[in-house]
Amino acid sequence: MAMANHWKQHIEAWQASGLTQAAYCRQHGLNAGTFSARLGEYRAGPAAEAPGLIPVRLEPDVAARSEAEPLVLRLASGHCLELPAAAEPRWLAELLRCLG
């Protein structure tokens, strides 16, 4: 069964909001348990797959890198993502999950 557009819009709005799930649900009058269940369906997608491992290679001078220098992710596909060095780890993990 396809996810209702209503829930998809709420999930995407929550992801962009920076709020916790509970705070977003309170703000929009949503049941937190239902929201969590719909989020699970959203993340599973039409054909749920087991998450794959992402190979990571650290450059030798990573520890000495200036905080002003961007974090550059080079994907196996050849694409590069340049992010601020201060990117939040939770946000980065969510980004990588979405890029799957």
PDB file of N, CA and C in Angstrom:
ATOM      1  N   MET A   1       0.836  -1.170   0.000  1.00  0.00           N
ATOM      2  CA  MET A   1       0.000   0.000   0.000  1.00  0.00           C
ATOM      3  C   MET A   1       0.891   1.247   0.000  1.00  0.00           C
ATOM      4  N   ALA A   2       0.624   2.175  -0.910  1.00  0.00           N
ATOM      5  CA  ALA A   2       1.426   3.395  -1.024  1.00  0.00           C
ATOM      6  C   ALA A   2       1.180   4.295   0.182  1.00  0.00           C
ATOM      7  N   MET A   3       2.236   4.965   0.589  1.00  0.00           N
ATOM      8  CA  MET A   3       2.115   5.881   1.723  1.00  0.00           C
ATOM      9  C   MET A   3       1.283   7.094   1.311  1.00  0.00           C
ATOM     10  N   ALA A   4       0.400   7.496   2.177  1.00  0.00           N
ATOM     11  CA  ALA A   4      -0.435   8.672   1.913  1.00  0.00           C
ATOM     12  C   ALA A   4       0.464   9.903   1.768  1.00  0.00           C
ATOM     13  N   ASN A   5       0.152  10.732   0.806  1.00  0.00           N
ATOM     14  CA  ASN A   5       0.918  11.941   0.538  1.00  0.00           C
ATOM     15  C   ASN A   5       0.990  12.833   1.782  1.00  0.00           C
ATOM     16  N   HIS A   6      -0.076  12.815   2.588  1.00  0.00           N
ATOM     17  CA  HIS A   6      -0.138  13.591   3.832  1.00  0.00           C
ATOM     18  C   HIS A   6       1.055  13.248   4.727  1.00  0.00           C
ATOM     19  N   TRP A   7       1.319  11.958   4.923  1.00  0.00           N
ATOM     20  CA  TRP A   7       2.408  11.545   5.810  1.00  0.00           C
ATOM     21  C   TRP A   7       3.761  11.817   5.178  1.00  0.00           C
ATOM     22  N   LYS A   8       3.872  11.602   3.883  1.00  0.00           N
ATOM     23  CA  LYS A   8       5.136  11.878   3.196  1.00  0.00           C
ATOM     24  C   LYS A   8       5.501  13.354   3.344  1.00  0.00           C
ATOM     25  N   GLN A   9       4.524  14.246   3.184  1.00  0.00           N
ATOM     26  CA  GLN A   9       4.792  15.679   3.329  1.00  0.00           C
ATOM     27  C   GLN A   9       5.211  16.017   4.761  1.00  0.00           C
ATOM     28  N   HIS A  10       4.549  15.405   5.745  1.00  0.00           N
ATOM     29  CA  HIS A  10       4.921  15.658   7.139  1.00  0.00           C
ATOM     30  C   HIS A  10       6.326  15.152   7.428  1.00  0.00           C
ATOM     31  N   ILE A  11       6.668  13.982   6.942  1.00  0.00           N
ATOM     32  CA  ILE A  11       7.993  13.418   7.205  1.00  0.00           C
ATOM     33  C   ILE A  11       9.073  14.292   6.588  1.00  0.00           C
ATOM     34  N   GLU A  12       8.863  14.724   5.359  1.00  0.00           N
ATOM     35  CA  GLU A  12       9.856  15.567   4.705  1.00  0.00           C
ATOM     36  C   GLU A  12       9.955  16.941   5.372  1.00  0.00           C
ATOM     37  N   ALA A  13       8.829  17.468   5.822  1.00  0.00           N
ATOM     38  CA  ALA A  13       8.842  18.745   6.546  1.00  0.00           C
ATOM     39  C   ALA A  13       9.572  18.592   7.880  1.00  0.00           C
ATOM     40  N   TRP A  14       9.343  17.469   8.574  1.00  0.00           N
ATOM     41  CA  TRP A  14      10.033  17.214   9.842  1.00  0.00           C
ATOM     42  C   TRP A  14      11.542  17.128   9.613  1.00  0.00           C
ATOM     43  N   GLN A  15      11.969  16.409   8.561  1.00  0.00           N
ATOM     44  CA  GLN A  15      13.397  16.262   8.293  1.00  0.00           C
ATOM     45  C   GLN A  15      14.059  17.616   8.046  1.00  0.00           C
ATOM     46  N   ALA A  16      13.350  18.513   7.405  1.00  0.00           N
ATOM     47  CA  ALA A  16      13.898  19.838   7.102  1.00  0.00           C
ATOM     48  C   ALA A  16      13.797  20.789   8.294  1.00  0.00           C
ATOM     49  N   SER A  17      12.979  20.448   9.284  1.00  0.00           N
ATOM     50  CA  SER A  17      12.696  21.368  10.391  1.00  0.00           C
ATOM     51  C   SER A  17      13.797  21.465  11.434  1.00  0.00           C
ATOM     52  N   GLY A  18      14.559  20.411  11.614  1.00  0.00           N
ATOM     53  CA  GLY A  18      15.556  20.390  12.676  1.00  0.00           C
ATOM     54  C   GLY A  18      14.977  20.072  14.039  1.00  0.00           C
ATOM     55  N   LEU A  19      13.662  19.825  14.107  1.00  0.00           N
ATOM     56  CA  LEU A  19      13.000  19.495  15.368  1.00  0.00           C
ATOM     57  C   LEU A  19      13.112  18.008  15.662  1.00  0.00           C
ATOM     58  N   THR A  20      12.935  17.643  16.918  1.00  0.00           N
ATOM     59  CA  THR A  20      12.814  16.231  17.252  1.00  0.00           C
ATOM     60  C   THR A  20      11.459  15.756  16.736  1.00  0.00           C
ATOM     61  N   GLN A  21      11.293  14.447  16.628  1.00  0.00           N
ATOM     62  CA  GLN A  21       9.990  13.909  16.190  1.00  0.00           C
ATOM     63  C   GLN A  21       8.892  14.361  17.144  1.00  0.00           C
ATOM     64  N   ALA A  22       9.169  14.271  18.439  1.00  0.00           N
ATOM     65  CA  ALA A  22       8.150  14.627  19.431  1.00  0.00           C
ATOM     66  C   ALA A  22       7.748  16.092  19.310  1.00  0.00           C
ATOM     67  N   ALA A  23       8.722  16.985  19.155  1.00  0.00           N
ATOM     68  CA  ALA A  23       8.423  18.415  19.045  1.00  0.00           C
ATOM     69  C   ALA A  23       7.636  18.702  17.770  1.00  0.00           C
ATOM     70  N   TYR A  24       8.019  18.068  16.670  1.00  0.00           N
ATOM     71  CA  TYR A  24       7.297  18.283  15.416  1.00  0.00           C
ATOM     72  C   TYR A  24       5.849  17.804  15.556  1.00  0.00           C
ATOM     73  N   CYS A  25       5.656  16.640  16.154  1.00  0.00           N
ATOM     74  CA  CYS A  25       4.298  16.095  16.317  1.00  0.00           C
ATOM     75  C   CYS A  25       3.444  17.004  17.196  1.00  0.00           C
ATOM     76  N   ARG A  26       4.015  17.504  18.298  1.00  0.00           N
ATOM     77  CA  ARG A  26       3.271  18.427  19.160  1.00  0.00           C
ATOM     78  C   ARG A  26       2.875  19.675  18.384  1.00  0.00           C
ATOM     79  N   GLN A  27       3.818  20.209  17.628  1.00  0.00           N
ATOM     80  CA  GLN A  27       3.588  21.446  16.885  1.00  0.00           C
ATOM     81  C   GLN A  27       2.503  21.282  15.820  1.00  0.00           C
ATOM     82  N   HIS A  28       2.364  20.060  15.278  1.00  0.00           N
ATOM     83  CA  HIS A  28       1.416  19.833  14.182  1.00  0.00           C
ATOM     84  C   HIS A  28       0.212  18.980  14.595  1.00  0.00           C
ATOM     85  N   GLY A  29       0.093  18.706  15.884  1.00  0.00           N
ATOM     86  CA  GLY A  29      -1.047  17.947  16.380  1.00  0.00           C
ATOM     87  C   GLY A  29      -1.099  16.522  15.865  1.00  0.00           C
ATOM     88  N   LEU A  30       0.071  15.890  15.735  1.00  0.00           N
ATOM     89  CA  LEU A  30       0.146  14.511  15.236  1.00  0.00           C
ATOM     90  C   LEU A  30       0.416  13.548  16.376  1.00  0.00           C
ATOM     91  N   ASN A  31      -0.086  12.329  16.238  1.00  0.00           N
ATOM     92  CA  ASN A  31       0.201  11.280  17.198  1.00  0.00           C
ATOM     93  C   ASN A  31       1.631  10.790  16.943  1.00  0.00           C
ATOM     94  N   ALA A  32       2.491  10.888  17.973  1.00  0.00           N
ATOM     95  CA  ALA A  32       3.907  10.547  17.811  1.00  0.00           C
ATOM     96  C   ALA A  32       4.105   9.082  17.433  1.00  0.00           C
ATOM     97  N   GLY A  33       3.294   8.174  17.981  1.00  0.00           N
ATOM     98  CA  GLY A  33       3.415   6.762  17.644  1.00  0.00           C
ATOM     99  C   GLY A  33       3.075   6.486  16.187  1.00  0.00           C
ATOM    100  N   THR A  34       2.019   7.131  15.706  1.00  0.00           N
ATOM    101  CA  THR A  34       1.626   6.968  14.311  1.00  0.00           C
ATOM    102  C   THR A  34       2.690   7.564  13.404  1.00  0.00           C
ATOM    103  N   PHE A  35       3.202   8.734  13.789  1.00  0.00           N
ATOM    104  CA  PHE A  35       4.248   9.370  12.995  1.00  0.00           C
ATOM    105  C   PHE A  35       5.459   8.445  12.890  1.00  0.00           C
ATOM    106  N   SER A  36       5.868   7.866  14.004  1.00  0.00           N
ATOM    107  CA  SER A  36       7.020   6.965  14.019  1.00  0.00           C
ATOM    108  C   SER A  36       6.791   5.750  13.109  1.00  0.00           C
ATOM    109  N   ALA A  37       5.579   5.211  13.148  1.00  0.00           N
ATOM    110  CA  ALA A  37       5.256   4.067  12.291  1.00  0.00           C
ATOM    111  C   ALA A  37       5.313   4.456  10.814  1.00  0.00           C
ATOM    112  N   ARG A  38       4.756   5.623  10.476  1.00  0.00           N
ATOM    113  CA  ARG A  38       4.788   6.088   9.068  1.00  0.00           C
ATOM    114  C   ARG A  38       6.221   6.381   8.634  1.00  0.00           C
ATOM    115  N   LEU A  39       7.045   6.893   9.569  1.00  0.00           N
ATOM    116  CA  LEU A  39       8.450   7.156   9.260  1.00  0.00           C
ATOM    117  C   LEU A  39       9.171   5.845   8.928  1.00  0.00           C
ATOM    118  N   GLY A  40       8.866   4.796   9.679  1.00  0.00           N
ATOM    119  CA  GLY A  40       9.454   3.485   9.394  1.00  0.00           C
ATOM    120  C   GLY A  40       9.080   2.997   8.007  1.00  0.00           C
ATOM    121  N   GLU A  41       7.821   3.175   7.623  1.00  0.00           N
ATOM    122  CA  GLU A  41       7.378   2.788   6.284  1.00  0.00           C
ATOM    123  C   GLU A  41       8.068   3.628   5.217  1.00  0.00           C
ATOM    124  N   TYR A  42       8.191   4.918   5.491  1.00  0.00           N
ATOM    125  CA  TYR A  42       8.842   5.831   4.550  1.00  0.00           C
ATOM    126  C   TYR A  42      10.295   5.409   4.323  1.00  0.00           C
ATOM    127  N   ARG A  43      10.987   5.121   5.414  1.00  0.00           N
ATOM    128  CA  ARG A  43      12.397   4.722   5.307  1.00  0.00           C
ATOM    129  C   ARG A  43      12.568   3.375   4.631  1.00  0.00           C
ATOM    130  N   ALA A  44      11.598   2.491   4.816  1.00  0.00           N
ATOM    131  CA  ALA A  44      11.680   1.175   4.183  1.00  0.00           C
ATOM    132  C   ALA A  44      11.513   1.286   2.674  1.00  0.00           C
ATOM    133  N   GLY A  45      10.738   2.282   2.237  1.00  0.00           N
ATOM    134  CA  GLY A  45      10.531   2.479   0.804  1.00  0.00           C
ATOM    135  C   GLY A  45       9.672   1.391   0.217  1.00  0.00           C
ATOM    136  N   PRO A  46       9.465   1.452  -1.094  1.00  0.00           N
ATOM    137  CA  PRO A  46       8.605   0.475  -1.754  1.00  0.00           C
ATOM    138  C   PRO A  46       9.134  -0.948  -1.652  1.00  0.00           C
ATOM    139  N   ALA A  47      10.439  -1.098  -1.741  1.00  0.00           N
ATOM    140  CA  ALA A  47      11.048  -2.424  -1.623  1.00  0.00           C
ATOM    141  C   ALA A  47      12.177  -2.315  -0.615  1.00  0.00           C
ATOM    142  N   ALA A  48      11.899  -2.656   0.636  1.00  0.00           N
ATOM    143  CA  ALA A  48      12.895  -2.510   1.692  1.00  0.00           C
ATOM    144  C   ALA A  48      14.103  -3.383   1.403  1.00  0.00           C
ATOM    145  N   GLU A  49      15.274  -2.780   1.524  1.00  0.00           N
ATOM    146  CA  GLU A  49      16.516  -3.503   1.319  1.00  0.00           C
ATOM    147  C   GLU A  49      17.357  -3.367   2.578  1.00  0.00           C
ATOM    148  N   ALA A  50      18.197  -4.347   2.805  1.00  0.00           N
ATOM    149  CA  ALA A  50      19.114  -4.257   3.933  1.00  0.00           C
ATOM    150  C   ALA A  50      20.143  -3.173   3.615  1.00  0.00           C
ATOM    151  N   PRO A  51      20.468  -2.337   4.582  1.00  0.00           N
ATOM    152  CA  PRO A  51      21.451  -1.287   4.310  1.00  0.00           C
ATOM    153  C   PRO A  51      22.808  -1.892   3.976  1.00  0.00           C
ATOM    154  N   GLY A  52      23.482  -1.288   3.038  1.00  0.00           N
ATOM    155  CA  GLY A  52      24.804  -1.764   2.651  1.00  0.00           C
ATOM    156  C   GLY A  52      25.880  -1.052   3.445  1.00  0.00           C
ATOM    157  N   LEU A  53      27.065  -1.575   3.385  1.00  0.00           N
ATOM    158  CA  LEU A  53      28.193  -0.932   4.036  1.00  0.00           C
ATOM    159  C   LEU A  53      28.761   0.118   3.102  1.00  0.00           C
ATOM    160  N   ILE A  54      29.225   1.188   3.663  1.00  0.00           N
ATOM    161  CA  ILE A  54      29.803   2.265   2.878  1.00  0.00           C
ATOM    162  C   ILE A  54      31.299   2.275   3.148  1.00  0.00           C
ATOM    163  N   PRO A  55      32.116   1.994   2.122  1.00  0.00           N
ATOM    164  CA  PRO A  55      33.569   2.024   2.354  1.00  0.00           C
ATOM    165  C   PRO A  55      34.037   3.457   2.598  1.00  0.00           C
ATOM    166  N   VAL A  56      34.920   3.612   3.572  1.00  0.00           N
ATOM    167  CA  VAL A  56      35.441   4.924   3.923  1.00  0.00           C
ATOM    168  C   VAL A  56      36.959   4.839   3.954  1.00  0.00           C
ATOM    169  N   ARG A  57      37.605   5.829   3.353  1.00  0.00           N
ATOM    170  CA  ARG A  57      39.065   5.908   3.394  1.00  0.00           C
ATOM    171  C   ARG A  57      39.425   7.283   3.920  1.00  0.00           C
ATOM    172  N   LEU A  58      40.174   7.334   5.010  1.00  0.00           N
ATOM    173  CA  LEU A  58      40.591   8.609   5.589  1.00  0.00           C
ATOM    174  C   LEU A  58      41.966   8.986   5.050  1.00  0.00           C
ATOM    175  N   GLU A  59      42.090  10.242   4.690  1.00  0.00           N
ATOM    176  CA  GLU A  59      43.384  10.745   4.241  1.00  0.00           C
ATOM    177  C   GLU A  59      44.303  10.819   5.464  1.00  0.00           C
ATOM    178  N   PRO A  60      45.596  10.615   5.298  1.00  0.00           N
ATOM    179  CA  PRO A  60      46.520  10.612   6.443  1.00  0.00           C
ATOM    180  C   PRO A  60      46.501  11.883   7.271  1.00  0.00           C
ATOM    181  N   ASP A  61      46.249  13.041   6.669  1.00  0.00           N
ATOM    182  CA  ASP A  61      46.316  14.295   7.407  1.00  0.00           C
ATOM    183  C   ASP A  61      44.958  14.762   7.931  1.00  0.00           C
ATOM    184  N   VAL A  62      43.982  13.863   8.030  1.00  0.00           N
ATOM    185  CA  VAL A  62      42.646  14.249   8.482  1.00  0.00           C
ATOM    186  C   VAL A  62      42.682  14.863   9.878  1.00  0.00           C
ATOM    187  N   ALA A  63      43.476  14.319  10.774  1.00  0.00           N
ATOM    188  CA  ALA A  63      43.513  14.830  12.144  1.00  0.00           C
ATOM    189  C   ALA A  63      44.075  16.253  12.194  1.00  0.00           C
ATOM    190  N   ALA A  64      44.944  16.595  11.268  1.00  0.00           N
ATOM    191  CA  ALA A  64      45.562  17.914  11.259  1.00  0.00           C
ATOM    192  C   ALA A  64      44.757  18.923  10.436  1.00  0.00           C
ATOM    193  N   ARG A  65      43.680  18.512   9.862  1.00  0.00           N
ATOM    194  CA  ARG A  65      42.876  19.357   8.981  1.00  0.00           C
ATOM    195  C   ARG A  65      42.305  20.537   9.751  1.00  0.00           C
ATOM    196  N   SER A  66      42.331  21.686   9.127  1.00  0.00           N
ATOM    197  CA  SER A  66      41.773  22.897   9.739  1.00  0.00           C
ATOM    198  C   SER A  66      40.258  22.791   9.791  1.00  0.00           C
ATOM    199  N   GLU A  67      39.648  23.360  10.842  1.00  0.00           N
ATOM    200  CA  GLU A  67      38.191  23.352  10.965  1.00  0.00           C
ATOM    201  C   GLU A  67      37.538  24.154   9.857  1.00  0.00           C
ATOM    202  N   ALA A  68      38.274  25.065   9.225  1.00  0.00           N
ATOM    203  CA  ALA A  68      37.720  25.882   8.157  1.00  0.00           C
ATOM    204  C   ALA A  68      37.668  25.120   6.834  1.00  0.00           C
ATOM    205  N   GLU A  69      38.464  24.076   6.709  1.00  0.00           N
ATOM    206  CA  GLU A  69      38.483  23.290   5.478  1.00  0.00           C
ATOM    207  C   GLU A  69      37.220  22.443   5.391  1.00  0.00           C
ATOM    208  N   PRO A  70      36.638  22.342   4.199  1.00  0.00           N
ATOM    209  CA  PRO A  70      35.420  21.532   4.060  1.00  0.00           C
ATOM    210  C   PRO A  70      35.722  20.041   4.149  1.00  0.00           C
ATOM    211  N   LEU A  71      34.712  19.298   4.493  1.00  0.00           N
ATOM    212  CA  LEU A  71      34.769  17.843   4.491  1.00  0.00           C
ATOM    213  C   LEU A  71      34.343  17.411   3.096  1.00  0.00           C
ATOM    214  N   VAL A  72      35.168  16.637   2.408  1.00  0.00           N
ATOM    215  CA  VAL A  72      34.864  16.220   1.044  1.00  0.00           C
ATOM    216  C   VAL A  72      34.640  14.710   1.036  1.00  0.00           C
ATOM    217  N   LEU A  73      33.465  14.311   0.586  1.00  0.00           N
ATOM    218  CA  LEU A  73      33.138  12.893   0.455  1.00  0.00           C
ATOM    219  C   LEU A  73      33.189  12.542  -1.029  1.00  0.00           C
ATOM    220  N   ARG A  74      33.984  11.556  -1.364  1.00  0.00           N
ATOM    221  CA  ARG A  74      34.060  11.087  -2.745  1.00  0.00           C
ATOM    222  C   ARG A  74      33.348   9.744  -2.806  1.00  0.00           C
ATOM    223  N   LEU A  75      32.250   9.708  -3.531  1.00  0.00           N
ATOM    224  CA  LEU A  75      31.443   8.503  -3.622  1.00  0.00           C
ATOM    225  C   LEU A  75      32.003   7.573  -4.687  1.00  0.00           C
ATOM    226  N   ALA A  76      31.706   6.291  -4.565  1.00  0.00           N
ATOM    227  CA  ALA A  76      32.181   5.304  -5.524  1.00  0.00           C
ATOM    228  C   ALA A  76      31.718   5.630  -6.939  1.00  0.00           C
ATOM    229  N   SER A  77      30.606   6.328  -7.058  1.00  0.00           N
ATOM    230  CA  SER A  77      30.067   6.698  -8.369  1.00  0.00           C
ATOM    231  C   SER A  77      30.899   7.775  -9.049  1.00  0.00           C
ATOM    232  N   GLY A  78      31.842   8.374  -8.300  1.00  0.00           N
ATOM    233  CA  GLY A  78      32.646   9.446  -8.852  1.00  0.00           C
ATOM    234  C   GLY A  78      32.167  10.824  -8.435  1.00  0.00           C
ATOM    235  N   HIS A  79      30.992  10.905  -7.837  1.00  0.00           N
ATOM    236  CA  HIS A  79      30.464  12.188  -7.380  1.00  0.00           C
ATOM    237  C   HIS A  79      31.186  12.613  -6.097  1.00  0.00           C
ATOM    238  N   CYS A  80      31.271  13.920  -5.890  1.00  0.00           N
ATOM    239  CA  CYS A  80      31.878  14.476  -4.674  1.00  0.00           C
ATOM    240  C   CYS A  80      30.859  15.353  -3.960  1.00  0.00           C
ATOM    241  N   LEU A  81      30.869  15.279  -2.659  1.00  0.00           N
ATOM    242  CA  LEU A  81      30.053  16.160  -1.822  1.00  0.00           C
ATOM    243  C   LEU A  81      31.007  16.965  -0.961  1.00  0.00           C
ATOM    244  N   GLU A  82      30.862  18.270  -0.981  1.00  0.00           N
ATOM    245  CA  GLU A  82      31.678  19.138  -0.142  1.00  0.00           C
ATOM    246  C   GLU A  82      30.775  19.723   0.935  1.00  0.00           C
ATOM    247  N   LEU A  83      31.118  19.444   2.187  1.00  0.00           N
ATOM    248  CA  LEU A  83      30.292  19.841   3.329  1.00  0.00           C
ATOM    249  C   LEU A  83      31.106  20.674   4.303  1.00  0.00           C
ATOM    250  N   PRO A  84      30.426  21.499   5.083  1.00  0.00           N
ATOM    251  CA  PRO A  84      31.162  22.251   6.108  1.00  0.00           C
ATOM    252  C   PRO A  84      31.799  21.287   7.109  1.00  0.00           C
ATOM    253  N   ALA A  85      32.970  21.625   7.579  1.00  0.00           N
ATOM    254  CA  ALA A  85      33.673  20.765   8.531  1.00  0.00           C
ATOM    255  C   ALA A  85      32.872  20.583   9.810  1.00  0.00           C
ATOM    256  N   ALA A  86      32.004  21.543  10.129  1.00  0.00           N
ATOM    257  CA  ALA A  86      31.220  21.478  11.360  1.00  0.00           C
ATOM    258  C   ALA A  86      29.890  20.750  11.169  1.00  0.00           C
ATOM    259  N   ALA A  87      29.730  20.020  10.076  1.00  0.00           N
ATOM    260  CA  ALA A  87      28.472  19.291   9.834  1.00  0.00           C
ATOM    261  C   ALA A  87      28.192  18.338  10.993  1.00  0.00           C
ATOM    262  N   GLU A  88      26.940  18.338  11.448  1.00  0.00           N
ATOM    263  CA  GLU A  88      26.535  17.481  12.567  1.00  0.00           C
ATOM    264  C   GLU A  88      26.612  16.010  12.153  1.00  0.00           C
ATOM    265  N   PRO A  89      27.200  15.146  12.955  1.00  0.00           N
ATOM    266  CA  PRO A  89      27.298  13.727  12.605  1.00  0.00           C
ATOM    267  C   PRO A  89      25.943  13.064  12.346  1.00  0.00           C
ATOM    268  N   ARG A  90      24.902  13.420  13.132  1.00  0.00           N
ATOM    269  CA  ARG A  90      23.577  12.820  12.906  1.00  0.00           C
ATOM    270  C   ARG A  90      23.030  13.214  11.541  1.00  0.00           C
ATOM    271  N   TRP A  91      23.233  14.472  11.160  1.00  0.00           N
ATOM    272  CA  TRP A  91      22.775  14.953   9.868  1.00  0.00           C
ATOM    273  C   TRP A  91      23.534  14.242   8.751  1.00  0.00           C
ATOM    274  N   LEU A  92      24.844  14.096   8.928  1.00  0.00           N
ATOM    275  CA  LEU A  92      25.660  13.417   7.928  1.00  0.00           C
ATOM    276  C   LEU A  92      25.242  11.955   7.781  1.00  0.00           C
ATOM    277  N   ALA A  93      24.951  11.281   8.893  1.00  0.00           N
ATOM    278  CA  ALA A  93      24.501   9.891   8.840  1.00  0.00           C
ATOM    279  C   ALA A  93      23.186   9.781   8.087  1.00  0.00           C
ATOM    280  N   GLU A  94      22.264  10.706   8.328  1.00  0.00           N
ATOM    281  CA  GLU A  94      20.972  10.706   7.616  1.00  0.00           C
ATOM    282  C   GLU A  94      21.180  10.959   6.130  1.00  0.00           C
ATOM    283  N   LEU A  95      22.073  11.872   5.796  1.00  0.00           N
ATOM    284  CA  LEU A  95      22.393  12.162   4.398  1.00  0.00           C
ATOM    285  C   LEU A  95      22.927  10.908   3.698  1.00  0.00           C
ATOM    286  N   LEU A  96      23.866  10.237   4.337  1.00  0.00           N
ATOM    287  CA  LEU A  96      24.425   9.025   3.741  1.00  0.00           C
ATOM    288  C   LEU A  96      23.376   7.933   3.595  1.00  0.00           C
ATOM    289  N   ARG A  97      22.464   7.834   4.570  1.00  0.00           N
ATOM    290  CA  ARG A  97      21.402   6.846   4.474  1.00  0.00           C
ATOM    291  C   ARG A  97      20.510   7.159   3.272  1.00  0.00           C
ATOM    292  N   CYS A  98      20.200   8.422   3.075  1.00  0.00           N
ATOM    293  CA  CYS A  98      19.349   8.821   1.951  1.00  0.00           C
ATOM    294  C   CYS A  98      20.024   8.577   0.614  1.00  0.00           C
ATOM    295  N   LEU A  99      21.337   8.775   0.578  1.00  0.00           N
ATOM    296  CA  LEU A  99      22.067   8.559  -0.672  1.00  0.00           C
ATOM    297  C   LEU A  99      22.194   7.072  -0.994  1.00  0.00           C
ATOM    298  N   GLY A 100      22.119   6.255   0.068  1.00  0.00           N
ATOM    299  CA  GLY A 100      22.151   4.806  -0.016  1.00  0.00           C
ATOM    300  C   GLY A 100      22.879   4.280  -1.152  1.00  0.00           C
TER     301      GLY A 100
END
